[in-house]
Each structure stands twice: as structure tokens, then as C-alpha cells.
Amino acid sequence: MHRSRTKQIFGPLLIESPNLFCQKGGWIRTRSGRHKRLWKKKENLRRRLRKHVFCNATQSWLLDKMVTKYWRQPRYYVDDPYEPYHTREEFLVTRKKPLP
């Protein structure tokens, strides 16, 4: 029986570590097309395009593979514009404040 290459590479990884995304932290990215044809887009969409979004598990896994441990270390800046993205209170696993 012939097995595809994707099953050999990615199959065991997903079974052995199902919470790989939570172990190394999340990545953020900008939305695609945020600078294109803004005159066509409605104001609500333009406002959403200015914000960053979290990468999904596959994108985070690929980014974790691409960078070394040095780049994964947290960095602290004065007046950091990315400060709202450092805390993840909407997820129960990463929540620091107790629920009301």
C-alpha cells in the first residue's frame, strides 16, 4: 500500500503534540490586501484591515520552524504599539485574570 508523503511527515506530529500552538506562543500578522484599493472598501472593512490577527496553528508551526530561539524570546519596548497583543485573555489556557 502506497502512503503519501504528507501523512508520513505531518501525521505523527499532530498526534504526538496536539497543543503545539499553545506551547510556543502565538504569532500575529497583518491582513492581506490592507493597502490595496482602499477607495473601494467600506469604512468598517478599512478599520478591520488596520488591525493585526493571530496566525492559525499551521502558520505558527511553520514560523516556529523558521526562526531560532533568539527570535522567540520576549522583548520589551517603551510605548510598544503591539502591547494589546501580548496578553491573550480570550483563551482559557493563556488567561491570567480570573473570570468574573
PDB file of N, CA and C in Angstrom:
ATOM      1  N   MET A   1       0.836  -1.180   0.000  1.00  0.00           N
ATOM      2  CA  MET A   1       0.000   0.000   0.000  1.00  0.00           C
ATOM      3  C   MET A   1       0.880   1.242   0.000  1.00  0.00           C
ATOM      4  N   HIS A   2       0.582   2.178  -0.871  1.00  0.00           N
ATOM      5  CA  HIS A   2       1.377   3.394  -1.004  1.00  0.00           C
ATOM      6  C   HIS A   2       0.868   4.462  -0.039  1.00  0.00           C
ATOM      7  N   ARG A   3       1.784   5.045   0.732  1.00  0.00           N
ATOM      8  CA  ARG A   3       1.405   6.110   1.660  1.00  0.00           C
ATOM      9  C   ARG A   3       1.916   7.438   1.107  1.00  0.00           C
ATOM     10  N   SER A   4       1.094   8.445   1.238  1.00  0.00           N
ATOM     11  CA  SER A   4       1.522   9.752   0.723  1.00  0.00           C
ATOM     12  C   SER A   4       2.553  10.360   1.658  1.00  0.00           C
ATOM     13  N   ARG A   5       3.347  11.254   1.127  1.00  0.00           N
ATOM     14  CA  ARG A   5       4.431  11.862   1.890  1.00  0.00           C
ATOM     15  C   ARG A   5       3.904  12.767   3.004  1.00  0.00           C
ATOM     16  N   THR A   6       2.765  13.408   2.793  1.00  0.00           N
ATOM     17  CA  THR A   6       2.231  14.300   3.823  1.00  0.00           C
ATOM     18  C   THR A   6       1.799  13.520   5.062  1.00  0.00           C
ATOM     19  N   LYS A   7       1.293  12.301   4.881  1.00  0.00           N
ATOM     20  CA  LYS A   7       0.910  11.504   6.037  1.00  0.00           C
ATOM     21  C   LYS A   7       2.140  11.083   6.827  1.00  0.00           C
ATOM     22  N   GLN A   8       3.235  10.795   6.160  1.00  0.00           N
ATOM     23  CA  GLN A   8       4.442  10.377   6.863  1.00  0.00           C
ATOM     24  C   GLN A   8       5.064  11.533   7.638  1.00  0.00           C
ATOM     25  N   ILE A   9       5.028  12.729   7.081  1.00  0.00           N
ATOM     26  CA  ILE A   9       5.680  13.863   7.726  1.00  0.00           C
ATOM     27  C   ILE A   9       4.795  14.453   8.824  1.00  0.00           C
ATOM     28  N   PHE A  10       3.546  14.766   8.518  1.00  0.00           N
ATOM     29  CA  PHE A  10       2.717  15.524   9.431  1.00  0.00           C
ATOM     30  C   PHE A  10       1.826  14.661  10.319  1.00  0.00           C
ATOM     31  N   GLY A  11       1.584  13.404   9.965  1.00  0.00           N
ATOM     32  CA  GLY A  11       0.697  12.568  10.759  1.00  0.00           C
ATOM     33  C   GLY A  11       1.164  12.373  12.194  1.00  0.00           C
ATOM     34  N   PRO A  12       2.364  11.874  12.430  1.00  0.00           N
ATOM     35  CA  PRO A  12       2.810  11.653  13.805  1.00  0.00           C
ATOM     36  C   PRO A  12       2.945  12.941  14.608  1.00  0.00           C
ATOM     37  N   LEU A  13       3.293  14.024  13.964  1.00  0.00           N
ATOM     38  CA  LEU A  13       3.487  15.284  14.670  1.00  0.00           C
ATOM     39  C   LEU A  13       2.184  15.779  15.269  1.00  0.00           C
ATOM     40  N   LEU A  14       1.093  15.655  14.547  1.00  0.00           N
ATOM     41  CA  LEU A  14      -0.193  16.113  15.066  1.00  0.00           C
ATOM     42  C   LEU A  14      -0.693  15.226  16.192  1.00  0.00           C
ATOM     43  N   ILE A  15      -0.381  13.944  16.140  1.00  0.00           N
ATOM     44  CA  ILE A  15      -0.838  13.033  17.190  1.00  0.00           C
ATOM     45  C   ILE A  15      -0.002  13.200  18.450  1.00  0.00           C
ATOM     46  N   GLU A  16       1.313  13.304  18.314  1.00  0.00           N
ATOM     47  CA  GLU A  16       2.189  13.377  19.477  1.00  0.00           C
ATOM     48  C   GLU A  16       2.052  14.691  20.233  1.00  0.00           C
ATOM     49  N   SER A  17       1.884  15.797  19.548  1.00  0.00           N
ATOM     50  CA  SER A  17       1.804  17.090  20.230  1.00  0.00           C
ATOM     51  C   SER A  17       0.604  17.870  19.703  1.00  0.00           C
ATOM     52  N   PRO A  18      -0.595  17.598  20.224  1.00  0.00           N
ATOM     53  CA  PRO A  18      -1.772  18.291  19.717  1.00  0.00           C
ATOM     54  C   PRO A  18      -1.822  19.761  20.112  1.00  0.00           C
ATOM     55  N   ASN A  19      -1.128  20.163  21.177  1.00  0.00           N
ATOM     56  CA  ASN A  19      -1.156  21.565  21.603  1.00  0.00           C
ATOM     57  C   ASN A  19       0.161  22.256  21.279  1.00  0.00           C
ATOM     58  N   LEU A  20       0.689  21.985  20.111  1.00  0.00           N
ATOM     59  CA  LEU A  20       1.934  22.618  19.683  1.00  0.00           C
ATOM     60  C   LEU A  20       1.778  24.124  19.582  1.00  0.00           C
ATOM     61  N   PHE A  21       0.593  24.593  19.207  1.00  0.00           N
ATOM     62  CA  PHE A  21       0.357  26.028  19.070  1.00  0.00           C
ATOM     63  C   PHE A  21       0.480  26.734  20.417  1.00  0.00           C
ATOM     64  N   CYS A  22      -0.019  26.115  21.482  1.00  0.00           N
ATOM     65  CA  CYS A  22      -0.006  26.759  22.797  1.00  0.00           C
ATOM     66  C   CYS A  22       1.357  26.664  23.463  1.00  0.00           C
ATOM     67  N   GLN A  23       2.189  25.702  23.087  1.00  0.00           N
ATOM     68  CA  GLN A  23       3.469  25.532  23.754  1.00  0.00           C
ATOM     69  C   GLN A  23       4.425  26.671  23.427  1.00  0.00           C
ATOM     70  N   LYS A  24       4.461  27.117  22.208  1.00  0.00           N
ATOM     71  CA  LYS A  24       5.450  28.107  21.810  1.00  0.00           C
ATOM     72  C   LYS A  24       4.888  29.505  21.668  1.00  0.00           C
ATOM     73  N   GLY A  25       3.608  29.687  21.847  1.00  0.00           N
ATOM     74  CA  GLY A  25       3.032  31.026  21.761  1.00  0.00           C
ATOM     75  C   GLY A  25       2.478  31.322  20.382  1.00  0.00           C
ATOM     76  N   GLY A  26       1.727  32.395  20.297  1.00  0.00           N
ATOM     77  CA  GLY A  26       1.087  32.757  19.047  1.00  0.00           C
ATOM     78  C   GLY A  26       1.878  33.784  18.267  1.00  0.00           C
ATOM     79  N   TRP A  27       1.635  33.829  16.994  1.00  0.00           N
ATOM     80  CA  TRP A  27       2.226  34.815  16.106  1.00  0.00           C
ATOM     81  C   TRP A  27       1.114  35.725  15.605  1.00  0.00           C
ATOM     82  N   ILE A  28       1.453  36.961  15.319  1.00  0.00           N
ATOM     83  CA  ILE A  28       0.470  37.868  14.737  1.00  0.00           C
ATOM     84  C   ILE A  28       0.931  38.273  13.345  1.00  0.00           C
ATOM     85  N   ARG A  29      -0.030  38.657  12.527  1.00  0.00           N
ATOM     86  CA  ARG A  29       0.277  39.093  11.170  1.00  0.00           C
ATOM     87  C   ARG A  29      -0.734  40.154  10.772  1.00  0.00           C
ATOM     88  N   THR A  30      -0.455  40.854   9.703  1.00  0.00           N
ATOM     89  CA  THR A  30      -1.406  41.818   9.176  1.00  0.00           C
ATOM     90  C   THR A  30      -2.299  41.118   8.165  1.00  0.00           C
ATOM     91  N   ARG A  31      -3.420  41.692   7.887  1.00  0.00           N
ATOM     92  CA  ARG A  31      -4.334  41.104   6.908  1.00  0.00           C
ATOM     93  C   ARG A  31      -3.838  41.407   5.491  1.00  0.00           C
ATOM     94  N   SER A  32      -4.078  40.487   4.602  1.00  0.00           N
ATOM     95  CA  SER A  32      -3.628  40.686   3.235  1.00  0.00           C
ATOM     96  C   SER A  32      -4.511  41.710   2.531  1.00  0.00           C
ATOM     97  N   GLY A  33      -3.926  42.482   1.641  1.00  0.00           N
ATOM     98  CA  GLY A  33      -4.653  43.471   0.878  1.00  0.00           C
ATOM     99  C   GLY A  33      -5.034  44.708   1.657  1.00  0.00           C
ATOM    100  N   ARG A  34      -4.302  45.012   2.731  1.00  0.00           N
ATOM    101  CA  ARG A  34      -4.702  46.134   3.580  1.00  0.00           C
ATOM    102  C   ARG A  34      -4.369  47.482   2.971  1.00  0.00           C
ATOM    103  N   HIS A  35      -3.506  47.525   1.954  1.00  0.00           N
ATOM    104  CA  HIS A  35      -3.163  48.785   1.305  1.00  0.00           C
ATOM    105  C   HIS A  35      -3.722  48.888  -0.117  1.00  0.00           C
ATOM    106  N   LYS A  36      -4.446  47.870  -0.570  1.00  0.00           N
ATOM    107  CA  LYS A  36      -4.920  47.846  -1.954  1.00  0.00           C
ATOM    108  C   LYS A  36      -6.349  48.365  -2.066  1.00  0.00           C
ATOM    109  N   ARG A  37      -6.570  49.239  -2.996  1.00  0.00           N
ATOM    110  CA  ARG A  37      -7.900  49.729  -3.390  1.00  0.00           C
ATOM    111  C   ARG A  37      -8.733  50.166  -2.186  1.00  0.00           C
ATOM    112  N   LEU A  38      -8.152  50.984  -1.340  1.00  0.00           N
ATOM    113  CA  LEU A  38      -8.873  51.445  -0.160  1.00  0.00           C
ATOM    114  C   LEU A  38     -10.063  52.323  -0.524  1.00  0.00           C
ATOM    115  N   TRP A  39     -10.033  52.955  -1.674  1.00  0.00           N
ATOM    116  CA  TRP A  39     -11.146  53.806  -2.083  1.00  0.00           C
ATOM    117  C   TRP A  39     -12.404  52.991  -2.359  1.00  0.00           C
ATOM    118  N   LYS A  40     -12.248  51.687  -2.655  1.00  0.00           N
ATOM    119  CA  LYS A  40     -13.380  50.815  -2.924  1.00  0.00           C
ATOM    120  C   LYS A  40     -14.007  50.257  -1.640  1.00  0.00           C
ATOM    121  N   LYS A  41     -13.211  50.149  -0.587  1.00  0.00           N
ATOM    122  CA  LYS A  41     -13.642  49.420   0.596  1.00  0.00           C
ATOM    123  C   LYS A  41     -14.433  50.311   1.540  1.00  0.00           C
ATOM    124  N   LYS A  42     -15.360  49.707   2.236  1.00  0.00           N
ATOM    125  CA  LYS A  42     -16.178  50.441   3.200  1.00  0.00           C
ATOM    126  C   LYS A  42     -15.351  50.752   4.438  1.00  0.00           C
ATOM    127  N   GLU A  43     -15.824  51.689   5.231  1.00  0.00           N
ATOM    128  CA  GLU A  43     -15.078  52.145   6.404  1.00  0.00           C
ATOM    129  C   GLU A  43     -14.890  51.024   7.434  1.00  0.00           C
ATOM    130  N   ASN A  44     -15.897  50.185   7.618  1.00  0.00           N
ATOM    131  CA  ASN A  44     -15.768  49.077   8.574  1.00  0.00           C
ATOM    132  C   ASN A  44     -14.658  48.118   8.163  1.00  0.00           C
ATOM    133  N   LEU A  45     -14.588  47.798   6.886  1.00  0.00           N
ATOM    134  CA  LEU A  45     -13.548  46.897   6.401  1.00  0.00           C
ATOM    135  C   LEU A  45     -12.173  47.542   6.513  1.00  0.00           C
ATOM    136  N   ARG A  46     -12.078  48.834   6.206  1.00  0.00           N
ATOM    137  CA  ARG A  46     -10.788  49.528   6.339  1.00  0.00           C
ATOM    138  C   ARG A  46     -10.309  49.527   7.788  1.00  0.00           C
ATOM    139  N   ARG A  47     -11.238  49.675   8.730  1.00  0.00           N
ATOM    140  CA  ARG A  47     -10.860  49.655  10.140  1.00  0.00           C
ATOM    141  C   ARG A  47     -10.369  48.267  10.542  1.00  0.00           C
ATOM    142  N   ARG A  48     -11.038  47.212  10.051  1.00  0.00           N
ATOM    143  CA  ARG A  48     -10.597  45.849  10.372  1.00  0.00           C
ATOM    144  C   ARG A  48      -9.255  45.525   9.745  1.00  0.00           C
ATOM    145  N   LEU A  49      -8.971  46.087   8.574  1.00  0.00           N
ATOM    146  CA  LEU A  49      -7.700  45.814   7.910  1.00  0.00           C
ATOM    147  C   LEU A  49      -6.516  46.459   8.628  1.00  0.00           C
ATOM    148  N   ARG A  50      -6.772  47.500   9.413  1.00  0.00           N
ATOM    149  CA  ARG A  50      -5.679  48.153  10.145  1.00  0.00           C
ATOM    150  C   ARG A  50      -5.200  47.324  11.331  1.00  0.00           C
ATOM    151  N   LYS A  51      -6.011  46.374  11.787  1.00  0.00           N
ATOM    152  CA  LYS A  51      -5.673  45.571  12.958  1.00  0.00           C
ATOM    153  C   LYS A  51      -4.911  44.318  12.555  1.00  0.00           C
ATOM    154  N   HIS A  52      -4.175  43.780  13.509  1.00  0.00           N
ATOM    155  CA  HIS A  52      -3.461  42.526  13.299  1.00  0.00           C
ATOM    156  C   HIS A  52      -4.339  41.363  13.725  1.00  0.00           C
ATOM    157  N   VAL A  53      -4.047  40.187  13.195  1.00  0.00           N
ATOM    158  CA  VAL A  53      -4.780  38.975  13.555  1.00  0.00           C
ATOM    159  C   VAL A  53      -3.763  37.914  13.973  1.00  0.00           C
ATOM    160  N   PHE A  54      -4.229  36.935  14.766  1.00  0.00           N
ATOM    161  CA  PHE A  54      -3.378  35.825  15.157  1.00  0.00           C
ATOM    162  C   PHE A  54      -3.273  34.828  14.014  1.00  0.00           C
ATOM    163  N   CYS A  55      -2.110  34.240  13.849  1.00  0.00           N
ATOM    164  CA  CYS A  55      -1.922  33.191  12.856  1.00  0.00           C
ATOM    165  C   CYS A  55      -2.580  31.910  13.355  1.00  0.00           C
ATOM    166  N   ASN A  56      -2.956  31.058  12.428  1.00  0.00           N
ATOM    167  CA  ASN A  56      -3.526  29.778  12.839  1.00  0.00           C
ATOM    168  C   ASN A  56      -2.411  28.812  13.227  1.00  0.00           C
ATOM    169  N   ALA A  57      -2.762  27.608  13.627  1.00  0.00           N
ATOM    170  CA  ALA A  57      -1.783  26.651  14.147  1.00  0.00           C
ATOM    171  C   ALA A  57      -0.747  26.265  13.090  1.00  0.00           C
ATOM    172  N   THR A  58      -1.170  26.109  11.852  1.00  0.00           N
ATOM    173  CA  THR A  58      -0.232  25.722  10.790  1.00  0.00           C
ATOM    174  C   THR A  58       0.767  26.829  10.512  1.00  0.00           C
ATOM    175  N   GLN A  59       0.291  28.059  10.437  1.00  0.00           N
ATOM    176  CA  GLN A  59       1.203  29.178  10.194  1.00  0.00           C
ATOM    177  C   GLN A  59       2.157  29.368  11.360  1.00  0.00           C
ATOM    178  N   SER A  60       1.668  29.212  12.592  1.00  0.00           N
ATOM    179  CA  SER A  60       2.533  29.352  13.758  1.00  0.00           C
ATOM    180  C   SER A  60       3.585  28.257  13.796  1.00  0.00           C
ATOM    181  N   TRP A  61       3.190  27.048  13.421  1.00  0.00           N
ATOM    182  CA  TRP A  61       4.135  25.938  13.397  1.00  0.00           C
ATOM    183  C   TRP A  61       5.246  26.194  12.379  1.00  0.00           C
ATOM    184  N   LEU A  62       4.882  26.697  11.200  1.00  0.00           N
ATOM    185  CA  LEU A  62       5.885  26.996  10.182  1.00  0.00           C
ATOM    186  C   LEU A  62       6.809  28.134  10.628  1.00  0.00           C
ATOM    187  N   LEU A  63       6.254  29.162  11.259  1.00  0.00           N
ATOM    188  CA  LEU A  63       7.083  30.261  11.735  1.00  0.00           C
ATOM    189  C   LEU A  63       8.010  29.810  12.857  1.00  0.00           C
ATOM    190  N   ASP A  64       7.530  28.926  13.734  1.00  0.00           N
ATOM    191  CA  ASP A  64       8.384  28.397  14.789  1.00  0.00           C
ATOM    192  C   ASP A  64       9.535  27.588  14.217  1.00  0.00           C
ATOM    193  N   LYS A  65       9.279  26.880  13.138  1.00  0.00           N
ATOM    194  CA  LYS A  65      10.350  26.112  12.500  1.00  0.00           C
ATOM    195  C   LYS A  65      11.369  27.025  11.827  1.00  0.00           C
ATOM    196  N   MET A  66      10.924  28.180  11.318  1.00  0.00           N
ATOM    197  CA  MET A  66      11.816  29.048  10.556  1.00  0.00           C
ATOM    198  C   MET A  66      12.745  29.883  11.433  1.00  0.00           C
ATOM    199  N   VAL A  67      12.327  30.218  12.651  1.00  0.00           N
ATOM    200  CA  VAL A  67      13.135  31.125  13.467  1.00  0.00           C
ATOM    201  C   VAL A  67      13.863  30.353  14.559  1.00  0.00           C
ATOM    202  N   THR A  68      14.940  30.952  15.057  1.00  0.00           N
ATOM    203  CA  THR A  68      15.719  30.329  16.119  1.00  0.00           C
ATOM    204  C   THR A  68      15.188  30.771  17.483  1.00  0.00           C
ATOM    205  N   LYS A  69      15.762  30.207  18.543  1.00  0.00           N
ATOM    206  CA  LYS A  69      15.329  30.514  19.900  1.00  0.00           C
ATOM    207  C   LYS A  69      15.547  31.985  20.241  1.00  0.00           C
ATOM    208  N   TYR A  70      16.570  32.607  19.659  1.00  0.00           N
ATOM    209  CA  TYR A  70      16.859  34.014  19.931  1.00  0.00           C
ATOM    210  C   TYR A  70      15.681  34.909  19.559  1.00  0.00           C
ATOM    211  N   TRP A  71      15.036  34.644  18.426  1.00  0.00           N
ATOM    212  CA  TRP A  71      13.940  35.492  17.963  1.00  0.00           C
ATOM    213  C   TRP A  71      12.632  35.199  18.669  1.00  0.00           C
ATOM    214  N   ARG A  72      12.527  34.056  19.372  1.00  0.00           N
ATOM    215  CA  ARG A  72      11.311  33.731  20.102  1.00  0.00           C
ATOM    216  C   ARG A  72      11.279  34.340  21.498  1.00  0.00           C
ATOM    217  N   GLN A  73      12.398  34.878  21.967  1.00  0.00           N
ATOM    218  CA  GLN A  73      12.436  35.470  23.305  1.00  0.00           C
ATOM    219  C   GLN A  73      11.587  36.735  23.334  1.00  0.00           C
ATOM    220  N   PRO A  74      10.866  36.974  24.448  1.00  0.00           N
ATOM    221  CA  PRO A  74      10.058  38.189  24.521  1.00  0.00           C
ATOM    222  C   PRO A  74      10.930  39.430  24.619  1.00  0.00           C
ATOM    223  N   ARG A  75      10.495  40.492  23.975  1.00  0.00           N
ATOM    224  CA  ARG A  75      11.208  41.762  24.014  1.00  0.00           C
ATOM    225  C   ARG A  75      10.255  42.824  24.542  1.00  0.00           C
ATOM    226  N   TYR A  76      10.816  43.757  25.305  1.00  0.00           N
ATOM    227  CA  TYR A  76      10.002  44.787  25.939  1.00  0.00           C
ATOM    228  C   TYR A  76      10.469  46.142  25.444  1.00  0.00           C
ATOM    229  N   TYR A  77       9.521  46.954  24.954  1.00  0.00           N
ATOM    230  CA  TYR A  77       9.823  48.264  24.406  1.00  0.00           C
ATOM    231  C   TYR A  77       8.983  49.316  25.122  1.00  0.00           C
ATOM    232  N   VAL A  78       9.483  50.542  25.146  1.00  0.00           N
ATOM    233  CA  VAL A  78       8.719  51.647  25.688  1.00  0.00           C
ATOM    234  C   VAL A  78       7.667  52.054  24.657  1.00  0.00           C
ATOM    235  N   ASP A  79       6.442  52.281  25.101  1.00  0.00           N
ATOM    236  CA  ASP A  79       5.322  52.649  24.224  1.00  0.00           C
ATOM    237  C   ASP A  79       5.173  51.667  23.058  1.00  0.00           C
ATOM    238  N   ASP A  80       5.119  50.404  23.398  1.00  0.00           N
ATOM    239  CA  ASP A  80       5.027  49.348  22.392  1.00  0.00           C
ATOM    240  C   ASP A  80       3.648  49.365  21.734  1.00  0.00           C
ATOM    241  N   PRO A  81       3.555  49.522  20.397  1.00  0.00           N
ATOM    242  CA  PRO A  81       2.238  49.505  19.753  1.00  0.00           C
ATOM    243  C   PRO A  81       1.610  48.111  19.750  1.00  0.00           C
ATOM    244  N   TYR A  82       2.386  47.068  19.991  1.00  0.00           N
ATOM    245  CA  TYR A  82       1.880  45.701  19.994  1.00  0.00           C
ATOM    246  C   TYR A  82       1.525  45.214  21.395  1.00  0.00           C
ATOM    247  N   GLU A  83       1.458  46.099  22.370  1.00  0.00           N
ATOM    248  CA  GLU A  83       1.146  45.720  23.751  1.00  0.00           C
ATOM    249  C   GLU A  83      -0.201  44.997  23.896  1.00  0.00           C
ATOM    250  N   PRO A  84      -1.267  45.404  23.184  1.00  0.00           N
ATOM    251  CA  PRO A  84      -2.534  44.663  23.334  1.00  0.00           C
ATOM    252  C   PRO A  84      -2.448  43.215  22.883  1.00  0.00           C
ATOM    253  N   TYR A  85      -1.487  42.873  22.035  1.00  0.00           N
ATOM    254  CA  TYR A  85      -1.383  41.509  21.535  1.00  0.00           C
ATOM    255  C   TYR A  85      -0.558  40.607  22.446  1.00  0.00           C
ATOM    256  N   HIS A  86       0.114  41.157  23.457  1.00  0.00           N
ATOM    257  CA  HIS A  86       0.954  40.339  24.337  1.00  0.00           C
ATOM    258  C   HIS A  86       0.126  39.522  25.316  1.00  0.00           C
ATOM    259  N   THR A  87      -1.020  40.007  25.730  1.00  0.00           N
ATOM    260  CA  THR A  87      -1.877  39.239  26.622  1.00  0.00           C
ATOM    261  C   THR A  87      -3.000  38.623  25.808  1.00  0.00           C
ATOM    262  N   ARG A  88      -3.355  37.410  26.166  1.00  0.00           N
ATOM    263  CA  ARG A  88      -4.399  36.696  25.441  1.00  0.00           C
ATOM    264  C   ARG A  88      -5.459  36.272  26.437  1.00  0.00           C
ATOM    265  N   GLU A  89      -6.278  37.202  26.851  1.00  0.00           N
ATOM    266  CA  GLU A  89      -7.274  36.946  27.878  1.00  0.00           C
ATOM    267  C   GLU A  89      -8.501  36.208  27.339  1.00  0.00           C
ATOM    268  N   GLU A  90      -8.665  36.115  26.030  1.00  0.00           N
ATOM    269  CA  GLU A  90      -9.861  35.478  25.489  1.00  0.00           C
ATOM    270  C   GLU A  90      -9.765  33.957  25.484  1.00  0.00           C
ATOM    271  N   PHE A  91      -8.567  33.391  25.700  1.00  0.00           N
ATOM    272  CA  PHE A  91      -8.399  31.945  25.725  1.00  0.00           C
ATOM    273  C   PHE A  91      -8.230  31.471  27.157  1.00  0.00           C
ATOM    274  N   LEU A  92      -8.863  30.352  27.510  1.00  0.00           N
ATOM    275  CA  LEU A  92      -8.780  29.861  28.874  1.00  0.00           C
ATOM    276  C   LEU A  92      -7.383  29.381  29.245  1.00  0.00           C
ATOM    277  N   VAL A  93      -6.639  28.856  28.278  1.00  0.00           N
ATOM    278  CA  VAL A  93      -5.301  28.336  28.562  1.00  0.00           C
ATOM    279  C   VAL A  93      -4.322  29.470  28.891  1.00  0.00           C
ATOM    280  N   THR A  94      -4.406  30.580  28.193  1.00  0.00           N
ATOM    281  CA  THR A  94      -3.451  31.686  28.379  1.00  0.00           C
ATOM    282  C   THR A  94      -3.997  32.816  29.237  1.00  0.00           C
ATOM    283  N   ARG A  95      -5.168  32.642  29.793  1.00  0.00           N
ATOM    284  CA  ARG A  95      -5.808  33.689  30.595  1.00  0.00           C
ATOM    285  C   ARG A  95      -5.066  33.876  31.912  1.00  0.00           C
ATOM    286  N   LYS A  96      -4.792  35.132  32.299  1.00  0.00           N
ATOM    287  CA  LYS A  96      -4.114  35.423  33.562  1.00  0.00           C
ATOM    288  C   LYS A  96      -5.072  35.987  34.599  1.00  0.00           C
ATOM    289  N   LYS A  97      -6.066  36.739  34.164  1.00  0.00           N
ATOM    290  CA  LYS A  97      -7.052  37.298  35.087  1.00  0.00           C
ATOM    291  C   LYS A  97      -8.178  36.290  35.288  1.00  0.00           C
ATOM    292  N   PRO A  98      -8.727  36.172  36.511  1.00  0.00           N
ATOM    293  CA  PRO A  98      -9.818  35.223  36.720  1.00  0.00           C
ATOM    294  C   PRO A  98     -11.104  35.693  36.036  1.00  0.00           C
ATOM    295  N   LEU A  99     -11.918  34.727  35.684  1.00  0.00           N
ATOM    296  CA  LEU A  99     -13.208  35.049  35.069  1.00  0.00           C
ATOM    297  C   LEU A  99     -14.125  35.709  36.098  1.00  0.00           C
ATOM    298  N   PRO A 100     -14.986  36.642  35.681  1.00  0.00           N
ATOM    299  CA  PRO A 100     -15.886  37.299  36.650  1.00  0.00           C
ATOM    300  C   PRO A 100     -16.990  36.374  37.141  1.00  0.00           C
TER     301      PRO A 100
END
